[in-house]
Amino acid sequence: MPIESDPVRVLGDSEAWNLLSGVALGRLVTMVNDQVEIFPVNFVTHNDAVLFRTAEGTKLFGTVMNERVLFEVDDHTGAEGWSVVIRGTARVLSTAAEIHDADRAQLIPWVQTEKLRYVQITPNEVTGRHFRFGPEPQHGSLPG
């Protein structure tokens, strides 16, 4: 069990999901034409998954061609920060019932463009860390 003075703490699943649900901007990581690509997306957590909307284009293509993706979210204050990474499976929602359910999540695009496709990332693994900021320890000093 980590002691309270540890500057890095592993997050439990429920704490990671609570942090995710409190922010709206994350990063989708996928492969497009043998290149790693990263896309900022606004999102919501919905039904134990991440949901975002997108238009036709590279982001959608990368998601369709590579169902396995990473999704990363972080935030910080002056004293602390956190990061959560989801390794999961992405898929474009296609049935009327899925789209109706996604519409209820109130995911509103930030940019005035038409984003007709919902993408759901279902996690296979969720990992997270909390960081307490502070000065670097003196080099060569051993914990005591």
C-alpha atoms as a PDB file:
ATOM      1  CA  MET A   1       0.000   0.000   0.000  1.00  0.00           C
ATOM      2  CA  PRO A   2       1.538   3.359  -0.965  1.00  0.00           C
ATOM      3  CA  ILE A   3       2.191   5.824   1.800  1.00  0.00           C
ATOM      4  CA  GLU A   4       0.497   9.204   1.606  1.00  0.00           C
ATOM      5  CA  SER A   5       3.748  11.007   0.787  1.00  0.00           C
ATOM      6  CA  ASP A   6       4.250   9.018  -2.420  1.00  0.00           C
ATOM      7  CA  PRO A   7       4.190  11.448  -5.347  1.00  0.00           C
ATOM      8  CA  VAL A   8       2.600   8.873  -7.700  1.00  0.00           C
ATOM      9  CA  ARG A   9      -0.462   6.788  -6.855  1.00  0.00           C
ATOM     10  CA  VAL A  10      -2.228   4.183  -8.973  1.00  0.00           C
ATOM     11  CA  LEU A  11      -5.930   4.922  -9.429  1.00  0.00           C
ATOM     12  CA  GLY A  12      -8.619   2.331  -8.867  1.00  0.00           C
ATOM     13  CA  ASP A  13     -11.194   1.701 -11.598  1.00  0.00           C
ATOM     14  CA  SER A  14     -14.012   3.674  -9.986  1.00  0.00           C
ATOM     15  CA  GLU A  15     -11.737   6.642  -9.250  1.00  0.00           C
ATOM     16  CA  ALA A  16     -10.473   6.611 -12.855  1.00  0.00           C
ATOM     17  CA  TRP A  17     -14.048   6.584 -14.220  1.00  0.00           C
ATOM     18  CA  ASN A  18     -15.076   9.387 -11.850  1.00  0.00           C
ATOM     19  CA  LEU A  19     -12.193  11.538 -13.105  1.00  0.00           C
ATOM     20  CA  LEU A  20     -13.044  10.721 -16.740  1.00  0.00           C
ATOM     21  CA  SER A  21     -16.654  11.732 -16.240  1.00  0.00           C
ATOM     22  CA  GLY A  22     -15.579  15.140 -14.936  1.00  0.00           C
ATOM     23  CA  VAL A  23     -13.780  16.317 -18.083  1.00  0.00           C
ATOM     24  CA  ALA A  24     -14.788  16.631 -21.719  1.00  0.00           C
ATOM     25  CA  LEU A  25     -11.582  16.578 -23.783  1.00  0.00           C
ATOM     26  CA  GLY A  26      -9.510  13.478 -24.485  1.00  0.00           C
ATOM     27  CA  ARG A  27      -7.136  12.089 -27.083  1.00  0.00           C
ATOM     28  CA  LEU A  28      -7.857   9.199 -29.429  1.00  0.00           C
ATOM     29  CA  VAL A  29      -4.770   7.279 -30.563  1.00  0.00           C
ATOM     30  CA  THR A  30      -5.031   4.992 -33.579  1.00  0.00           C
ATOM     31  CA  MET A  31      -3.133   3.864 -36.695  1.00  0.00           C
ATOM     32  CA  VAL A  32      -3.744   5.383 -40.134  1.00  0.00           C
ATOM     33  CA  ASN A  33      -1.708   4.117 -43.096  1.00  0.00           C
ATOM     34  CA  ASP A  34       0.999   2.627 -40.818  1.00  0.00           C
ATOM     35  CA  GLN A  35       1.317   5.926 -38.949  1.00  0.00           C
ATOM     36  CA  VAL A  36       0.335   6.501 -35.328  1.00  0.00           C
ATOM     37  CA  GLU A  37      -2.189   9.347 -35.216  1.00  0.00           C
ATOM     38  CA  ILE A  38      -3.600  11.252 -32.260  1.00  0.00           C
ATOM     39  CA  PHE A  39      -6.828  13.248 -32.364  1.00  0.00           C
ATOM     40  CA  PRO A  40      -8.308  15.521 -29.698  1.00  0.00           C
ATOM     41  CA  VAL A  41     -11.997  14.751 -29.208  1.00  0.00           C
ATOM     42  CA  ASN A  42     -14.705  15.954 -26.894  1.00  0.00           C
ATOM     43  CA  PHE A  43     -16.412  12.974 -25.305  1.00  0.00           C
ATOM     44  CA  VAL A  44     -18.717  11.665 -22.613  1.00  0.00           C
ATOM     45  CA  THR A  45     -18.656   8.515 -20.554  1.00  0.00           C
ATOM     46  CA  HIS A  46     -21.776   6.488 -21.214  1.00  0.00           C
ATOM     47  CA  ASN A  47     -22.713   2.915 -20.265  1.00  0.00           C
ATOM     48  CA  ASP A  48     -19.189   2.026 -19.040  1.00  0.00           C
ATOM     49  CA  ALA A  49     -17.655   3.240 -22.303  1.00  0.00           C
ATOM     50  CA  VAL A  50     -16.362   6.413 -23.960  1.00  0.00           C
ATOM     51  CA  LEU A  51     -18.517   8.014 -26.614  1.00  0.00           C
ATOM     52  CA  PHE A  52     -17.520  10.675 -29.149  1.00  0.00           C
ATOM     53  CA  ARG A  53     -18.894  12.030 -32.413  1.00  0.00           C
ATOM     54  CA  THR A  54     -16.998  12.546 -35.635  1.00  0.00           C
ATOM     55  CA  ALA A  55     -17.457  13.440 -39.272  1.00  0.00           C
ATOM     56  CA  GLU A  56     -16.255  11.476 -42.272  1.00  0.00           C
ATOM     57  CA  GLY A  57     -12.469  11.668 -42.533  1.00  0.00           C
ATOM     58  CA  THR A  58      -9.177  10.428 -41.146  1.00  0.00           C
ATOM     59  CA  LYS A  59     -10.369   9.975 -37.552  1.00  0.00           C
ATOM     60  CA  LEU A  60     -13.339   7.870 -38.620  1.00  0.00           C
ATOM     61  CA  PHE A  61     -11.229   5.935 -41.141  1.00  0.00           C
ATOM     62  CA  GLY A  62      -8.597   5.178 -38.492  1.00  0.00           C
ATOM     63  CA  THR A  63     -11.256   3.976 -36.087  1.00  0.00           C
ATOM     64  CA  VAL A  64     -12.968   1.743 -38.635  1.00  0.00           C
ATOM     65  CA  MET A  65      -9.695   0.268 -39.920  1.00  0.00           C
ATOM     66  CA  ASN A  66      -8.233  -0.317 -36.427  1.00  0.00           C
ATOM     67  CA  GLU A  67     -10.808  -1.337 -33.895  1.00  0.00           C
ATOM     68  CA  ARG A  68      -8.122  -1.426 -31.175  1.00  0.00           C
ATOM     69  CA  VAL A  69      -7.382   2.077 -29.912  1.00  0.00           C
ATOM     70  CA  LEU A  70      -5.975   4.018 -26.990  1.00  0.00           C
ATOM     71  CA  PHE A  71      -7.819   6.871 -25.371  1.00  0.00           C
ATOM     72  CA  GLU A  72      -6.066   9.225 -22.942  1.00  0.00           C
ATOM     73  CA  VAL A  73      -7.429  11.908 -20.644  1.00  0.00           C
ATOM     74  CA  ASP A  74      -5.598  14.043 -18.101  1.00  0.00           C
ATOM     75  CA  ASP A  75      -5.970  17.167 -16.016  1.00  0.00           C
ATOM     76  CA  HIS A  76      -4.028  19.103 -13.408  1.00  0.00           C
ATOM     77  CA  THR A  77      -3.996  21.944 -10.929  1.00  0.00           C
ATOM     78  CA  GLY A  78      -0.963  23.741  -9.543  1.00  0.00           C
ATOM     79  CA  ALA A  79      -0.497  21.042  -6.896  1.00  0.00           C
ATOM     80  CA  GLU A  80      -1.517  17.762  -8.531  1.00  0.00           C
ATOM     81  CA  GLY A  81      -2.480  16.029 -11.732  1.00  0.00           C
ATOM     82  CA  TRP A  82      -3.815  12.769 -13.081  1.00  0.00           C
ATOM     83  CA  SER A  83      -3.836  10.700 -16.245  1.00  0.00           C
ATOM     84  CA  VAL A  84      -6.120   7.858 -17.339  1.00  0.00           C
ATOM     85  CA  VAL A  85      -5.463   5.603 -20.342  1.00  0.00           C
ATOM     86  CA  ILE A  86      -8.072   3.294 -21.849  1.00  0.00           C
ATOM     87  CA  ARG A  87      -6.995   0.428 -24.071  1.00  0.00           C
ATOM     88  CA  GLY A  88     -10.055  -0.714 -25.883  1.00  0.00           C
ATOM     89  CA  THR A  89     -12.133  -1.558 -28.881  1.00  0.00           C
ATOM     90  CA  ALA A  90     -13.708   1.180 -30.981  1.00  0.00           C
ATOM     91  CA  ARG A  91     -16.696   0.793 -33.210  1.00  0.00           C
ATOM     92  CA  VAL A  92     -19.058   3.056 -35.070  1.00  0.00           C
ATOM     93  CA  LEU A  93     -22.605   2.789 -33.739  1.00  0.00           C
ATOM     94  CA  SER A  94     -24.960   1.726 -36.492  1.00  0.00           C
ATOM     95  CA  THR A  95     -28.336   0.547 -35.246  1.00  0.00           C
ATOM     96  CA  ALA A  96     -31.212   2.929 -34.609  1.00  0.00           C
ATOM     97  CA  ALA A  97     -31.394   1.781 -30.964  1.00  0.00           C
ATOM     98  CA  GLU A  98     -27.674   2.431 -30.381  1.00  0.00           C
ATOM     99  CA  ILE A  99     -27.854   5.876 -31.969  1.00  0.00           C
ATOM    100  CA  HIS A 100     -31.006   6.766 -30.026  1.00  0.00           C
ATOM    101  CA  ASP A 101     -29.283   5.716 -26.787  1.00  0.00           C
ATOM    102  CA  ALA A 102     -26.163   7.746 -27.732  1.00  0.00           C
ATOM    103  CA  ASP A 103     -28.305  10.810 -28.491  1.00  0.00           C
ATOM    104  CA  ARG A 104     -29.525  10.717 -24.878  1.00  0.00           C
ATOM    105  CA  ALA A 105     -25.907  11.140 -23.664  1.00  0.00           C
ATOM    106  CA  GLN A 106     -26.084  14.835 -24.689  1.00  0.00           C
ATOM    107  CA  LEU A 107     -22.762  14.787 -26.552  1.00  0.00           C
ATOM    108  CA  ILE A 108     -22.668  18.138 -28.328  1.00  0.00           C
ATOM    109  CA  PRO A 109     -19.879  18.873 -30.863  1.00  0.00           C
ATOM    110  CA  TRP A 110     -17.674  21.827 -29.964  1.00  0.00           C
ATOM    111  CA  VAL A 111     -17.030  22.872 -33.562  1.00  0.00           C
ATOM    112  CA  GLN A 112     -19.815  23.976 -35.895  1.00  0.00           C
ATOM    113  CA  THR A 113     -19.429  21.025 -38.242  1.00  0.00           C
ATOM    114  CA  GLU A 114     -21.750  18.149 -38.931  1.00  0.00           C
ATOM    115  CA  LYS A 115     -20.637  15.102 -36.934  1.00  0.00           C
ATOM    116  CA  LEU A 116     -23.050  12.347 -37.820  1.00  0.00           C
ATOM    117  CA  ARG A 117     -21.117   9.299 -36.594  1.00  0.00           C
ATOM    118  CA  TYR A 118     -21.005   8.111 -33.006  1.00  0.00           C
ATOM    119  CA  VAL A 119     -17.958   6.080 -31.995  1.00  0.00           C
ATOM    120  CA  GLN A 120     -17.952   3.996 -28.829  1.00  0.00           C
ATOM    121  CA  ILE A 121     -14.757   2.851 -27.136  1.00  0.00           C
ATOM    122  CA  THR A 122     -15.346  -0.178 -24.949  1.00  0.00           C
ATOM    123  CA  PRO A 123     -12.451  -0.625 -22.525  1.00  0.00           C
ATOM    124  CA  ASN A 124     -10.406  -3.783 -22.271  1.00  0.00           C
ATOM    125  CA  GLU A 125      -8.133  -2.129 -19.712  1.00  0.00           C
ATOM    126  CA  VAL A 126      -8.280   1.144 -17.760  1.00  0.00           C
ATOM    127  CA  THR A 127      -5.136   2.414 -16.038  1.00  0.00           C
ATOM    128  CA  GLY A 128      -4.623   5.652 -14.203  1.00  0.00           C
ATOM    129  CA  ARG A 129      -2.158   7.564 -12.094  1.00  0.00           C
ATOM    130  CA  HIS A 130      -2.463  10.500  -9.717  1.00  0.00           C
ATOM    131  CA  PHE A 131       0.566  12.781  -9.326  1.00  0.00           C
ATOM    132  CA  ARG A 132       1.368  15.070  -6.401  1.00  0.00           C
ATOM    133  CA  PHE A 133       3.673  17.812  -7.646  1.00  0.00           C
ATOM    134  CA  GLY A 134       6.741  18.870  -5.712  1.00  0.00           C
ATOM    135  CA  PRO A 135      10.459  19.501  -5.971  1.00  0.00           C
ATOM    136  CA  GLU A 136      12.776  16.890  -7.383  1.00  0.00           C
ATOM    137  CA  PRO A 137      14.591  14.969  -4.646  1.00  0.00           C
ATOM    138  CA  GLN A 138      18.257  15.697  -4.181  1.00  0.00           C
ATOM    139  CA  HIS A 139      20.327  13.531  -6.512  1.00  0.00           C
ATOM    140  CA  GLY A 140      22.045  10.639  -4.788  1.00  0.00           C
ATOM    141  CA  SER A 141      19.921  10.814  -1.664  1.00  0.00           C
ATOM    142  CA  LEU A 142      18.465   7.527  -0.514  1.00  0.00           C
ATOM    143  CA  PRO A 143      15.008   7.291   1.004  1.00  0.00           C
ATOM    144  CA  GLY A 144      15.259   6.971   4.638  1.00  0.00           C
END
